[in-house]
């Protein structure tokens, strides 16, 4: 069952050519898409770090 799910997930992934073709149809350059992706990953990582720090502060306050 898990093998079928993994195969299904792989089937849903776009190939590089399909992705580039879709971006072209949308009028977005590959570099712009990469930059946007990197920016979103950075923002997500910063948010995750902030949440971890915030949770640690709460944990320290609840211990004392």
Protein backbone atom coordinates (compact mmCIF):
# COMPACT_ATOMS: atom_id res chain seq x y z
CA UNK A 1 0.00 0.00 0.00
CA UNK A 2 2.79 2.45 0.93
CA UNK A 3 4.57 1.58 -2.33
CA UNK A 4 1.44 2.51 -4.28
CA UNK A 5 1.24 5.85 -2.48
CA UNK A 6 4.90 6.62 -3.21
CA UNK A 7 4.42 5.71 -6.87
CA UNK A 8 1.30 7.88 -7.02
CA UNK A 9 3.24 10.82 -5.52
CA UNK A 10 5.99 10.35 -8.11
CA UNK A 11 3.41 10.28 -10.89
CA UNK A 12 2.09 13.67 -9.76
CA UNK A 13 5.50 15.35 -9.99
CA UNK A 14 6.26 17.47 -13.02
CA UNK A 15 9.35 16.83 -15.07
CA UNK A 16 11.76 19.73 -15.49
CA UNK A 17 10.60 20.18 -19.10
CA UNK A 18 6.93 20.21 -18.05
CA UNK A 19 7.66 22.76 -15.33
CA UNK A 20 9.64 25.00 -17.67
CA UNK A 21 6.87 24.77 -20.26
CA UNK A 22 4.24 25.70 -17.67
CA UNK A 23 6.32 28.64 -16.44
CA UNK A 24 6.74 29.81 -20.03
CA UNK A 25 2.97 29.66 -20.59
CA UNK A 26 2.49 31.72 -17.43
CA UNK A 27 5.08 34.25 -18.60
CA UNK A 28 7.45 33.58 -15.71
CA UNK A 29 11.16 33.02 -16.23
CA UNK A 30 12.83 30.04 -14.59
CA UNK A 31 15.17 32.38 -12.70
CA UNK A 32 12.25 34.42 -11.35
CA UNK A 33 10.54 31.23 -10.20
CA UNK A 34 13.74 30.03 -8.50
CA UNK A 35 14.22 33.40 -6.77
CA UNK A 36 10.62 33.39 -5.55
CA UNK A 37 10.99 29.83 -4.27
CA UNK A 38 14.22 30.67 -2.42
CA UNK A 39 12.58 33.74 -0.89
CA UNK A 40 9.62 31.71 0.35
CA UNK A 41 11.89 29.01 1.79
CA UNK A 42 13.94 31.67 3.60
CA UNK A 43 10.79 33.23 5.04
CA UNK A 44 9.51 29.83 6.15
CA UNK A 45 12.85 29.02 7.80
CA UNK A 46 12.88 32.36 9.63
CA UNK A 47 9.33 31.81 10.85
CA UNK A 48 10.18 28.28 12.01
CA UNK A 49 13.25 29.57 13.87
CA UNK A 50 11.18 32.32 15.51
CA UNK A 51 8.53 29.77 16.57
CA UNK A 52 11.19 27.49 18.06
CA UNK A 53 12.72 30.38 20.01
CA UNK A 54 9.30 31.51 21.18
CA UNK A 55 8.39 27.99 22.32
CA UNK A 56 11.70 27.69 24.18
CA UNK A 57 11.05 30.96 25.98
CA UNK A 58 7.58 29.77 27.01
CA UNK A 59 9.02 26.47 28.21
CA UNK A 60 11.67 28.25 30.27
CA UNK A 61 9.07 30.55 31.83
CA UNK A 62 6.80 27.67 32.73
CA UNK A 63 9.68 25.82 34.43
CA UNK A 64 10.61 28.77 36.67
